[in-house]
């Protein structure tokens, strides 16, 4: 993308410090040359179709890879969650067995 050219107030005209050169307004930008015949036009269309097909294929591969990664992450999270549930269940079970009030509750009933 080109930057707008800054006004140069130096004594020498034509010696601009802007490395990008002058900016052409959008309406005045030169358009690419039009195809000379139907064969050249067909080649351009085929090239664009090829580029489009390649981009779509790349996007589909990236999407499939992302979906695969999400499935792996989901499985890992579910495994960790199940492990935590098992640990909590074991802690609750053991805490009930080790409670000093447990014996008193049983005798009181």
PDB file of N, CA and C in Angstrom:
ATOM      1  N   UNK A   1       0.851  -1.165   0.000  1.00  0.00           N
ATOM      2  CA  UNK A   1       0.000   0.000   0.000  1.00  0.00           C
ATOM      3  C   UNK A   1       0.894   1.224   0.000  1.00  0.00           C
ATOM      4  N   UNK A   2       0.573   2.171  -0.794  1.00  0.00           N
ATOM      5  CA  UNK A   2       1.391   3.372  -0.906  1.00  0.00           C
ATOM      6  C   UNK A   2       0.935   4.431   0.072  1.00  0.00           C
ATOM      7  N   UNK A   3       1.916   5.183   0.551  1.00  0.00           N
ATOM      8  CA  UNK A   3       1.611   6.276   1.468  1.00  0.00           C
ATOM      9  C   UNK A   3       1.407   7.545   0.660  1.00  0.00           C
ATOM     10  N   UNK A   4       0.620   8.465   1.181  1.00  0.00           N
ATOM     11  CA  UNK A   4       0.488   9.744   0.485  1.00  0.00           C
ATOM     12  C   UNK A   4       1.824  10.474   0.517  1.00  0.00           C
ATOM     13  N   UNK A   5       2.126  11.126  -0.567  1.00  0.00           N
ATOM     14  CA  UNK A   5       3.398  11.838  -0.671  1.00  0.00           C
ATOM     15  C   UNK A   5       3.327  13.124   0.144  1.00  0.00           C
ATOM     16  N   UNK A   6       4.349  13.319   0.957  1.00  0.00           N
ATOM     17  CA  UNK A   6       4.427  14.533   1.753  1.00  0.00           C
ATOM     18  C   UNK A   6       4.949  15.669   0.883  1.00  0.00           C
ATOM     19  N   UNK A   7       4.531  16.861   1.187  1.00  0.00           N
ATOM     20  CA  UNK A   7       4.980  18.024   0.430  1.00  0.00           C
ATOM     21  C   UNK A   7       6.425  18.311   0.809  1.00  0.00           C
ATOM     22  N   UNK A   8       7.255  18.466  -0.205  1.00  0.00           N
ATOM     23  CA  UNK A   8       8.676  18.726   0.020  1.00  0.00           C
ATOM     24  C   UNK A   8       8.934  20.207  -0.221  1.00  0.00           C
ATOM     25  N   UNK A   9       9.368  20.912   0.804  1.00  0.00           N
ATOM     26  CA  UNK A   9       9.619  22.341   0.690  1.00  0.00           C
ATOM     27  C   UNK A   9      11.094  22.647   0.457  1.00  0.00           C
ATOM     28  N   UNK A  10      11.849  21.688  -0.010  1.00  0.00           N
ATOM     29  CA  UNK A  10      13.272  21.944  -0.250  1.00  0.00           C
ATOM     30  C   UNK A  10      13.433  22.796  -1.509  1.00  0.00           C
ATOM     31  N   UNK A  11      14.640  23.315  -1.699  1.00  0.00           N
ATOM     32  CA  UNK A  11      14.926  24.163  -2.861  1.00  0.00           C
ATOM     33  C   UNK A  11      14.927  23.376  -4.160  1.00  0.00           C
ATOM     34  N   UNK A  12      15.284  22.145  -4.080  1.00  0.00           N
ATOM     35  CA  UNK A  12      15.404  21.371  -5.317  1.00  0.00           C
ATOM     36  C   UNK A  12      14.126  20.578  -5.563  1.00  0.00           C
ATOM     37  N   UNK A  13      13.510  20.836  -6.696  1.00  0.00           N
ATOM     38  CA  UNK A  13      12.320  20.083  -7.064  1.00  0.00           C
ATOM     39  C   UNK A  13      12.750  18.760  -7.674  1.00  0.00           C
ATOM     40  N   UNK A  14      11.946  17.756  -7.470  1.00  0.00           N
ATOM     41  CA  UNK A  14      12.260  16.459  -8.053  1.00  0.00           C
ATOM     42  C   UNK A  14      13.101  15.594  -7.135  1.00  0.00           C
ATOM     43  N   UNK A  15      13.630  16.128  -6.064  1.00  0.00           N
ATOM     44  CA  UNK A  15      14.408  15.336  -5.125  1.00  0.00           C
ATOM     45  C   UNK A  15      13.534  15.032  -3.914  1.00  0.00           C
ATOM     46  N   UNK A  16      12.698  14.088  -4.047  1.00  0.00           N
ATOM     47  CA  UNK A  16      11.773  13.727  -2.975  1.00  0.00           C
ATOM     48  C   UNK A  16      12.427  12.688  -2.082  1.00  0.00           C
ATOM     49  N   UNK A  17      12.132  12.758  -0.811  1.00  0.00           N
ATOM     50  CA  UNK A  17      12.659  11.793   0.140  1.00  0.00           C
ATOM     51  C   UNK A  17      11.704  10.603   0.306  1.00  0.00           C
ATOM     52  N   UNK A  18      10.592  10.601  -0.379  1.00  0.00           N
ATOM     53  CA  UNK A  18       9.603   9.542  -0.250  1.00  0.00           C
ATOM     54  C   UNK A  18      10.048   8.322  -1.060  1.00  0.00           C
ATOM     55  N   UNK A  19      10.382   7.200  -0.395  1.00  0.00           N
ATOM     56  CA  UNK A  19      10.858   6.028  -1.133  1.00  0.00           C
ATOM     57  C   UNK A  19       9.751   5.299  -1.888  1.00  0.00           C
ATOM     58  N   UNK A  20       8.490   5.575  -1.574  1.00  0.00           N
ATOM     59  CA  UNK A  20       7.390   4.866  -2.206  1.00  0.00           C
ATOM     60  C   UNK A  20       6.897   5.540  -3.484  1.00  0.00           C
ATOM     61  N   UNK A  21       7.348   6.703  -3.753  1.00  0.00           N
ATOM     62  CA  UNK A  21       6.919   7.411  -4.949  1.00  0.00           C
ATOM     63  C   UNK A  21       5.567   8.046  -4.761  1.00  0.00           C
ATOM     64  N   UNK A  22       5.063   8.690  -5.801  1.00  0.00           N
ATOM     65  CA  UNK A  22       3.782   9.390  -5.692  1.00  0.00           C
ATOM     66  C   UNK A  22       2.622   8.404  -5.590  1.00  0.00           C
ATOM     67  N   UNK A  23       1.599   8.855  -4.916  1.00  0.00           N
ATOM     68  CA  UNK A  23       0.394   8.042  -4.772  1.00  0.00           C
ATOM     69  C   UNK A  23      -0.592   8.464  -5.846  1.00  0.00           C
ATOM     70  N   UNK A  24      -1.121   7.460  -6.554  1.00  0.00           N
ATOM     71  CA  UNK A  24      -2.091   7.733  -7.610  1.00  0.00           C
ATOM     72  C   UNK A  24      -3.481   7.585  -7.003  1.00  0.00           C
ATOM     73  N   UNK A  25      -4.346   8.579  -7.158  1.00  0.00           N
ATOM     74  CA  UNK A  25      -5.712   8.451  -6.633  1.00  0.00           C
ATOM     75  C   UNK A  25      -6.401   7.232  -7.232  1.00  0.00           C
ATOM     76  N   UNK A  26      -7.333   6.615  -6.493  1.00  0.00           N
ATOM     77  CA  UNK A  26      -7.970   5.379  -6.957  1.00  0.00           C
ATOM     78  C   UNK A  26      -8.614   5.485  -8.329  1.00  0.00           C
ATOM     79  N   UNK A  27      -9.220   6.596  -8.654  1.00  0.00           N
ATOM     80  CA  UNK A  27      -9.870   6.738  -9.954  1.00  0.00           C
ATOM     81  C   UNK A  27      -8.884   6.848 -11.104  1.00  0.00           C
ATOM     82  N   UNK A  28      -7.634   7.197 -10.803  1.00  0.00           N
ATOM     83  CA  UNK A  28      -6.641   7.406 -11.852  1.00  0.00           C
ATOM     84  C   UNK A  28      -5.633   6.274 -11.955  1.00  0.00           C
ATOM     85  N   UNK A  29      -5.824   5.195 -11.214  1.00  0.00           N
ATOM     86  CA  UNK A  29      -4.884   4.085 -11.276  1.00  0.00           C
ATOM     87  C   UNK A  29      -5.019   3.385 -12.616  1.00  0.00           C
ATOM     88  N   UNK A  30      -3.887   3.033 -13.204  1.00  0.00           N
ATOM     89  CA  UNK A  30      -3.953   2.334 -14.490  1.00  0.00           C
ATOM     90  C   UNK A  30      -4.529   0.933 -14.298  1.00  0.00           C
ATOM     91  N   UNK A  31      -5.412   0.547 -15.185  1.00  0.00           N
ATOM     92  CA  UNK A  31      -5.991  -0.789 -15.108  1.00  0.00           C
ATOM     93  C   UNK A  31      -5.122  -1.743 -15.916  1.00  0.00           C
ATOM     94  N   UNK A  32      -5.156  -3.028 -15.583  1.00  0.00           N
ATOM     95  CA  UNK A  32      -4.356  -3.983 -16.347  1.00  0.00           C
ATOM     96  C   UNK A  32      -4.851  -4.034 -17.790  1.00  0.00           C
ATOM     97  N   UNK A  33      -3.968  -4.380 -18.695  1.00  0.00           N
ATOM     98  CA  UNK A  33      -4.389  -4.431 -20.103  1.00  0.00           C
ATOM     99  C   UNK A  33      -5.467  -5.489 -20.305  1.00  0.00           C
ATOM    100  N   UNK A  34      -6.412  -5.171 -21.147  1.00  0.00           N
ATOM    101  CA  UNK A  34      -7.494  -6.111 -21.416  1.00  0.00           C
ATOM    102  C   UNK A  34      -6.991  -7.210 -22.343  1.00  0.00           C
ATOM    103  N   UNK A  35      -7.587  -8.414 -22.223  1.00  0.00           N
ATOM    104  CA  UNK A  35      -7.162  -9.513 -23.092  1.00  0.00           C
ATOM    105  C   UNK A  35      -7.404  -9.168 -24.560  1.00  0.00           C
ATOM    106  N   UNK A  36      -6.491  -9.614 -25.387  1.00  0.00           N
ATOM    107  CA  UNK A  36      -6.566  -9.303 -26.817  1.00  0.00           C
ATOM    108  C   UNK A  36      -7.564 -10.187 -27.566  1.00  0.00           C
ATOM    109  N   UNK A  37      -7.708 -11.437 -27.116  1.00  0.00           N
ATOM    110  CA  UNK A  37      -8.636 -12.333 -27.806  1.00  0.00           C
ATOM    111  C   UNK A  37      -9.290 -13.276 -26.790  1.00  0.00           C
ATOM    112  N   UNK A  38     -10.180 -14.119 -27.292  1.00  0.00           N
ATOM    113  CA  UNK A  38     -10.911 -15.030 -26.407  1.00  0.00           C
ATOM    114  C   UNK A  38      -9.988 -16.045 -25.758  1.00  0.00           C
ATOM    115  N   UNK A  39      -8.955 -16.463 -26.458  1.00  0.00           N
ATOM    116  CA  UNK A  39      -8.019 -17.449 -25.920  1.00  0.00           C
ATOM    117  C   UNK A  39      -7.288 -16.880 -24.700  1.00  0.00           C
ATOM    118  N   UNK A  40      -6.836 -15.649 -24.804  1.00  0.00           N
ATOM    119  CA  UNK A  40      -6.146 -15.005 -23.688  1.00  0.00           C
ATOM    120  C   UNK A  40      -7.112 -14.813 -22.511  1.00  0.00           C
ATOM    121  N   UNK A  41      -8.337 -14.440 -22.820  1.00  0.00           N
ATOM    122  CA  UNK A  41      -9.356 -14.282 -21.782  1.00  0.00           C
ATOM    123  C   UNK A  41      -9.624 -15.623 -21.094  1.00  0.00           C
ATOM    124  N   UNK A  42      -9.714 -16.695 -21.877  1.00  0.00           N
ATOM    125  CA  UNK A  42      -9.951 -18.032 -21.321  1.00  0.00           C
ATOM    126  C   UNK A  42      -8.792 -18.451 -20.420  1.00  0.00           C
ATOM    127  N   UNK A  43      -7.565 -18.115 -20.801  1.00  0.00           N
ATOM    128  CA  UNK A  43      -6.404 -18.448 -19.966  1.00  0.00           C
ATOM    129  C   UNK A  43      -6.470 -17.715 -18.626  1.00  0.00           C
ATOM    130  N   UNK A  44      -6.872 -16.465 -18.665  1.00  0.00           N
ATOM    131  CA  UNK A  44      -6.995 -15.687 -17.427  1.00  0.00           C
ATOM    132  C   UNK A  44      -8.065 -16.302 -16.530  1.00  0.00           C
ATOM    133  N   UNK A  45      -9.195 -16.666 -17.121  1.00  0.00           N
ATOM    134  CA  UNK A  45     -10.281 -17.274 -16.348  1.00  0.00           C
ATOM    135  C   UNK A  45      -9.827 -18.599 -15.747  1.00  0.00           C
ATOM    136  N   UNK A  46      -9.128 -19.419 -16.531  1.00  0.00           N
ATOM    137  CA  UNK A  46      -8.647 -20.707 -16.029  1.00  0.00           C
ATOM    138  C   UNK A  46      -7.642 -20.507 -14.893  1.00  0.00           C
ATOM    139  N   UNK A  47      -6.780 -19.516 -15.019  1.00  0.00           N
ATOM    140  CA  UNK A  47      -5.807 -19.240 -13.963  1.00  0.00           C
ATOM    141  C   UNK A  47      -6.521 -18.808 -12.678  1.00  0.00           C
ATOM    142  N   UNK A  48      -7.522 -17.945 -12.816  1.00  0.00           N
ATOM    143  CA  UNK A  48      -8.280 -17.503 -11.642  1.00  0.00           C
ATOM    144  C   UNK A  48      -9.038 -18.670 -11.003  1.00  0.00           C
ATOM    145  N   UNK A  49      -9.610 -19.547 -11.839  1.00  0.00           N
ATOM    146  CA  UNK A  49     -10.302 -20.720 -11.305  1.00  0.00           C
ATOM    147  C   UNK A  49      -9.332 -21.625 -10.556  1.00  0.00           C
ATOM    148  N   UNK A  50      -8.134 -21.795 -11.110  1.00  0.00           N
ATOM    149  CA  UNK A  50      -7.116 -22.625 -10.458  1.00  0.00           C
ATOM    150  C   UNK A  50      -6.725 -22.029  -9.106  1.00  0.00           C
ATOM    151  N   UNK A  51      -6.502 -20.723  -9.060  1.00  0.00           N
ATOM    152  CA  UNK A  51      -6.142 -20.058  -7.805  1.00  0.00           C
ATOM    153  C   UNK A  51      -7.273 -20.179  -6.789  1.00  0.00           C
ATOM    154  N   UNK A  52      -8.498 -20.000  -7.247  1.00  0.00           N
ATOM    155  CA  UNK A  52      -9.663 -20.102  -6.362  1.00  0.00           C
ATOM    156  C   UNK A  52      -9.781 -21.519  -5.806  1.00  0.00           C
ATOM    157  N   UNK A  53      -9.642 -22.516  -6.676  1.00  0.00           N
ATOM    158  CA  UNK A  53      -9.732 -23.912  -6.254  1.00  0.00           C
ATOM    159  C   UNK A  53      -8.647 -24.236  -5.236  1.00  0.00           C
ATOM    160  N   UNK A  54      -7.446 -23.730  -5.473  1.00  0.00           N
ATOM    161  CA  UNK A  54      -6.334 -23.963  -4.542  1.00  0.00           C
ATOM    162  C   UNK A  54      -6.633 -23.323  -3.187  1.00  0.00           C
ATOM    163  N   UNK A  55      -7.125 -22.091  -3.188  1.00  0.00           N
ATOM    164  CA  UNK A  55      -7.446 -21.406  -1.931  1.00  0.00           C
ATOM    165  C   UNK A  55      -8.553 -22.133  -1.172  1.00  0.00           C
ATOM    166  N   UNK A  56      -9.571 -22.595  -1.887  1.00  0.00           N
ATOM    167  CA  UNK A  56     -10.665 -23.328  -1.240  1.00  0.00           C
ATOM    168  C   UNK A  56     -10.127 -24.619  -0.631  1.00  0.00           C
ATOM    169  N   UNK A  57      -9.274 -25.324  -1.363  1.00  0.00           N
ATOM    170  CA  UNK A  57      -8.670 -26.554  -0.837  1.00  0.00           C
ATOM    171  C   UNK A  57      -7.843 -26.286   0.407  1.00  0.00           C
ATOM    172  N   UNK A  58      -7.051 -25.214   0.380  1.00  0.00           N
ATOM    173  CA  UNK A  58      -6.247 -24.844   1.549  1.00  0.00           C
ATOM    174  C   UNK A  58      -7.140 -24.540   2.745  1.00  0.00           C
ATOM    175  N   UNK A  59      -8.213 -23.787   2.514  1.00  0.00           N
ATOM    176  CA  UNK A  59      -9.141 -23.460   3.603  1.00  0.00           C
ATOM    177  C   UNK A  59      -9.808 -24.714   4.164  1.00  0.00           C
ATOM    178  N   UNK A  60     -10.199 -25.632   3.288  1.00  0.00           N
ATOM    179  CA  UNK A  60     -10.838 -26.865   3.747  1.00  0.00           C
ATOM    180  C   UNK A  60      -9.865 -27.700   4.569  1.00  0.00           C
ATOM    181  N   UNK A  61      -8.600 -27.790   4.128  1.00  0.00           N
ATOM    182  CA  UNK A  61      -7.599 -28.541   4.889  1.00  0.00           C
ATOM    183  C   UNK A  61      -7.364 -27.910   6.253  1.00  0.00           C
ATOM    184  N   UNK A  62      -7.275 -26.580   6.301  1.00  0.00           N
ATOM    185  CA  UNK A  62      -7.076 -25.902   7.584  1.00  0.00           C
ATOM    186  C   UNK A  62      -8.279 -26.109   8.503  1.00  0.00           C
ATOM    187  N   UNK A  63      -9.477 -26.067   7.932  1.00  0.00           N
ATOM    188  CA  UNK A  63     -10.684 -26.278   8.735  1.00  0.00           C
ATOM    189  C   UNK A  63     -10.719 -27.703   9.286  1.00  0.00           C
ATOM    190  N   UNK A  64     -10.385 -28.697   8.453  1.00  0.00           N
ATOM    191  CA  UNK A  64     -10.361 -30.084   8.915  1.00  0.00           C
ATOM    192  C   UNK A  64      -9.320 -30.266  10.012  1.00  0.00           C
ATOM    193  N   UNK A  65      -8.163 -29.649   9.851  1.00  0.00           N
ATOM    194  CA  UNK A  65      -7.112 -29.736  10.864  1.00  0.00           C
ATOM    195  C   UNK A  65      -7.574 -29.098  12.177  1.00  0.00           C
ATOM    196  N   UNK A  66      -8.227 -27.954  12.082  1.00  0.00           N
ATOM    197  CA  UNK A  66      -8.738 -27.285  13.282  1.00  0.00           C
ATOM    198  C   UNK A  66      -9.792 -28.144  13.968  1.00  0.00           C
ATOM    199  N   UNK A  67     -10.688 -28.741  13.198  1.00  0.00           N
ATOM    200  CA  UNK A  67     -11.717 -29.610  13.777  1.00  0.00           C
ATOM    201  C   UNK A  67     -11.085 -30.818  14.458  1.00  0.00           C
ATOM    202  N   UNK A  68     -10.036 -31.380  13.837  1.00  0.00           N
ATOM    203  CA  UNK A  68      -9.330 -32.510  14.429  1.00  0.00           C
ATOM    204  C   UNK A  68      -8.688 -32.105  15.761  1.00  0.00           C
ATOM    205  N   UNK A  69      -8.036 -30.939  15.783  1.00  0.00           N
ATOM    206  CA  UNK A  69      -7.416 -30.438  17.012  1.00  0.00           C
ATOM    207  C   UNK A  69      -8.467 -30.207  18.096  1.00  0.00           C
ATOM    208  N   UNK A  70      -9.618 -29.661  17.715  1.00  0.00           N
ATOM    209  CA  UNK A  70     -10.689 -29.425  18.688  1.00  0.00           C
ATOM    210  C   UNK A  70     -11.200 -30.734  19.286  1.00  0.00           C
ATOM    211  N   UNK A  71     -11.323 -31.777  18.446  1.00  0.00           N
ATOM    212  CA  UNK A  71     -11.767 -33.074  18.964  1.00  0.00           C
ATOM    213  C   UNK A  71     -10.760 -33.632  19.966  1.00  0.00           C
ATOM    214  N   UNK A  72      -9.469 -33.491  19.663  1.00  0.00           N
ATOM    215  CA  UNK A  72      -8.424 -33.967  20.579  1.00  0.00           C
ATOM    216  C   UNK A  72      -8.482 -33.187  21.884  1.00  0.00           C
ATOM    217  N   UNK A  73      -8.579 -31.859  21.799  1.00  0.00           N
ATOM    218  CA  UNK A  73      -8.642 -31.029  23.008  1.00  0.00           C
ATOM    219  C   UNK A  73      -9.880 -31.360  23.833  1.00  0.00           C
ATOM    220  N   UNK A  74     -11.002 -31.567  23.162  1.00  0.00           N
ATOM    221  CA  UNK A  74     -12.239 -31.896  23.870  1.00  0.00           C
ATOM    222  C   UNK A  74     -12.083 -33.217  24.614  1.00  0.00           C
ATOM    223  N   UNK A  75     -11.495 -34.211  23.958  1.00  0.00           N
ATOM    224  CA  UNK A  75     -11.289 -35.509  24.603  1.00  0.00           C
ATOM    225  C   UNK A  75     -10.358 -35.364  25.807  1.00  0.00           C
ATOM    226  N   UNK A  76      -9.307 -34.567  25.669  1.00  0.00           N
ATOM    227  CA  UNK A  76      -8.382 -34.357  26.787  1.00  0.00           C
ATOM    228  C   UNK A  76      -9.088 -33.677  27.957  1.00  0.00           C
ATOM    229  N   UNK A  77      -9.878 -32.673  27.667  1.00  0.00           N
ATOM    230  CA  UNK A  77     -10.600 -31.956  28.729  1.00  0.00           C
ATOM    231  C   UNK A  77     -11.608 -32.880  29.406  1.00  0.00           C
ATOM    232  N   UNK A  78     -12.326 -33.678  28.612  1.00  0.00           N
ATOM    233  CA  UNK A  78     -13.294 -34.608  29.193  1.00  0.00           C
ATOM    234  C   UNK A  78     -12.598 -35.648  30.064  1.00  0.00           C
ATOM    235  N   UNK A  79     -11.424 -36.132  29.628  1.00  0.00           N
ATOM    236  CA  UNK A  79     -10.664 -37.088  30.435  1.00  0.00           C
ATOM    237  C   UNK A  79     -10.232 -36.462  31.758  1.00  0.00           C
ATOM    238  N   UNK A  80      -9.740 -35.233  31.712  1.00  0.00           N
ATOM    239  CA  UNK A  80      -9.319 -34.549  32.938  1.00  0.00           C
ATOM    240  C   UNK A  80     -10.511 -34.306  33.859  1.00  0.00           C
ATOM    241  N   UNK A  81     -11.623 -33.925  33.284  1.00  0.00           N
ATOM    242  CA  UNK A  81     -12.825 -33.697  34.082  1.00  0.00           C
ATOM    243  C   UNK A  81     -13.280 -34.989  34.752  1.00  0.00           C
ATOM    244  N   UNK A  82     -13.267 -36.085  34.009  1.00  0.00           N
ATOM    245  CA  UNK A  82     -13.662 -37.374  34.585  1.00  0.00           C
ATOM    246  C   UNK A  82     -12.700 -37.779  35.696  1.00  0.00           C
ATOM    247  N   UNK A  83     -11.421 -37.523  35.512  1.00  0.00           N
ATOM    248  CA  UNK A  83     -10.437 -37.812  36.556  1.00  0.00           C
ATOM    249  C   UNK A  83     -10.735 -36.997  37.812  1.00  0.00           C
ATOM    250  N   UNK A  84     -11.058 -35.727  37.641  1.00  0.00           N
ATOM    251  CA  UNK A  84     -11.394 -34.877  38.787  1.00  0.00           C
ATOM    252  C   UNK A  84     -12.664 -35.364  39.481  1.00  0.00           C
ATOM    253  N   UNK A  85     -13.652 -35.783  38.710  1.00  0.00           N
ATOM    254  CA  UNK A  85     -14.890 -36.312  39.293  1.00  0.00           C
ATOM    255  C   UNK A  85     -14.581 -37.570  40.104  1.00  0.00           C
ATOM    256  N   UNK A  86     -13.742 -38.442  39.560  1.00  0.00           N
ATOM    257  CA  UNK A  86     -13.379 -39.668  40.271  1.00  0.00           C
ATOM    258  C   UNK A  86     -12.635 -39.357  41.566  1.00  0.00           C
ATOM    259  N   UNK A  87     -11.717 -38.398  41.511  1.00  0.00           N
ATOM    260  CA  UNK A  87     -10.966 -38.010  42.709  1.00  0.00           C
ATOM    261  C   UNK A  87     -11.909 -37.427  43.750  1.00  0.00           C
ATOM    262  N   UNK A  88     -12.801 -36.538  43.327  1.00  0.00           N
ATOM    263  CA  UNK A  88     -13.754 -35.934  44.269  1.00  0.00           C
ATOM    264  C   UNK A  88     -14.656 -37.003  44.892  1.00  0.00           C
ATOM    265  N   UNK A  89     -15.106 -37.953  44.097  1.00  0.00           N
ATOM    266  CA  UNK A  89     -15.959 -39.024  44.620  1.00  0.00           C
ATOM    267  C   UNK A  89     -15.192 -39.856  45.643  1.00  0.00           C
ATOM    268  N   UNK A  90     -13.939 -40.132  45.362  1.00  0.00           N
ATOM    269  CA  UNK A  90     -13.117 -40.891  46.312  1.00  0.00           C
ATOM    270  C   UNK A  90     -12.902 -40.113  47.598  1.00  0.00           C
ATOM    271  N   UNK A  91     -12.645 -38.816  47.482  1.00  0.00           N
ATOM    272  CA  UNK A  91     -12.437 -37.978  48.668  1.00  0.00           C
ATOM    273  C   UNK A  91     -13.700 -37.941  49.519  1.00  0.00           C
ATOM    274  N   UNK A  92     -14.846 -37.782  48.890  1.00  0.00           N
ATOM    275  CA  UNK A  92     -16.112 -37.743  49.626  1.00  0.00           C
ATOM    276  C   UNK A  92     -16.362 -39.079  50.315  1.00  0.00           C
ATOM    277  N   UNK A  93     -16.100 -40.161  49.603  1.00  0.00           N
ATOM    278  CA  UNK A  93     -16.305 -41.494  50.173  1.00  0.00           C
ATOM    279  C   UNK A  93     -15.398 -41.711  51.379  1.00  0.00           C
ATOM    280  N   UNK A  94     -14.120 -41.330  51.227  1.00  0.00           N
ATOM    281  CA  UNK A  94     -13.165 -41.513  52.321  1.00  0.00           C
ATOM    282  C   UNK A  94     -13.466 -40.575  53.484  1.00  0.00           C
ATOM    283  N   UNK A  95     -13.895 -39.366  53.210  1.00  0.00           N
ATOM    284  CA  UNK A  95     -14.179 -38.424  54.297  1.00  0.00           C
ATOM    285  C   UNK A  95     -15.358 -38.902  55.129  1.00  0.00           C
ATOM    286  N   UNK A  96     -16.295 -39.562  54.521  1.00  0.00           N
ATOM    287  CA  UNK A  96     -17.431 -40.120  55.255  1.00  0.00           C
ATOM    288  C   UNK A  96     -17.005 -41.261  56.150  1.00  0.00           C
ATOM    289  N   UNK A  97     -16.027 -42.025  55.703  1.00  0.00           N
ATOM    290  CA  UNK A  97     -15.554 -43.154  56.492  1.00  0.00           C
ATOM    291  C   UNK A  97     -14.650 -42.708  57.633  1.00  0.00           C
ATOM    292  N   UNK A  98     -13.966 -41.579  57.476  1.00  0.00           N
ATOM    293  CA  UNK A  98     -13.015 -41.117  58.478  1.00  0.00           C
ATOM    294  C   UNK A  98     -13.606 -40.109  59.448  1.00  0.00           C
ATOM    295  N   UNK A  99     -14.814 -39.714  59.276  1.00  0.00           N
ATOM    296  CA  UNK A  99     -15.422 -38.682  60.104  1.00  0.00           C
ATOM    297  C   UNK A  99     -15.639 -39.181  61.532  1.00  0.00           C
ATOM    298  N   UNK A 100     -15.217 -38.390  62.550  1.00  0.00           N
ATOM    299  CA  UNK A 100     -15.458 -38.809  63.934  1.00  0.00           C
ATOM    300  C   UNK A 100     -16.948 -38.771  64.273  1.00  0.00           C
ATOM    301  N   UNK A 101     -17.695 -37.991  63.548  1.00  0.00           N
ATOM    302  CA  UNK A 101     -19.132 -37.912  63.795  1.00  0.00           C
ATOM    303  C   UNK A 101     -19.880 -39.080  63.174  1.00  0.00           C
ATOM    304  N   UNK A 102     -19.210 -39.777  62.277  1.00  0.00           N
ATOM    305  CA  UNK A 102     -19.856 -40.875  61.569  1.00  0.00           C
ATOM    306  C   UNK A 102     -20.328 -41.945  62.564  1.00  0.00           C
ATOM    307  N   UNK A 103     -19.439 -42.337  63.494  1.00  0.00           N
ATOM    308  CA  UNK A 103     -19.802 -43.361  64.476  1.00  0.00           C
ATOM    309  C   UNK A 103     -20.902 -42.862  65.407  1.00  0.00           C
ATOM    310  N   UNK A 104     -20.831 -41.588  65.800  1.00  0.00           N
ATOM    311  CA  UNK A 104     -21.842 -41.031  66.698  1.00  0.00           C
ATOM    312  C   UNK A 104     -23.199 -40.981  66.018  1.00  0.00           C
ATOM    313  N   UNK A 105     -23.217 -40.684  64.738  1.00  0.00           N
ATOM    314  CA  UNK A 105     -24.484 -40.630  64.009  1.00  0.00           C
ATOM    315  C   UNK A 105     -25.115 -42.012  63.919  1.00  0.00           C
ATOM    316  N   UNK A 106     -24.284 -42.992  63.748  1.00  0.00           N
ATOM    317  CA  UNK A 106     -24.813 -44.351  63.615  1.00  0.00           C
ATOM    318  C   UNK A 106     -25.405 -44.807  64.955  1.00  0.00           C
ATOM    319  N   UNK A 107     -24.724 -44.511  66.084  1.00  0.00           N
ATOM    320  CA  UNK A 107     -25.216 -44.916  67.401  1.00  0.00           C
ATOM    321  C   UNK A 107     -26.478 -44.153  67.779  1.00  0.00           C
ATOM    322  N   UNK A 108     -26.563 -42.918  67.331  1.00  0.00           N
ATOM    323  CA  UNK A 108     -27.683 -42.066  67.698  1.00  0.00           C
ATOM    324  C   UNK A 108     -28.979 -42.512  67.026  1.00  0.00           C
ATOM    325  N   UNK A 109     -28.870 -43.141  65.900  1.00  0.00           N
ATOM    326  CA  UNK A 109     -30.048 -43.542  65.139  1.00  0.00           C
ATOM    327  C   UNK A 109     -30.672 -44.705  65.742  1.00  0.00           C
TER     328      UNK A 109
END
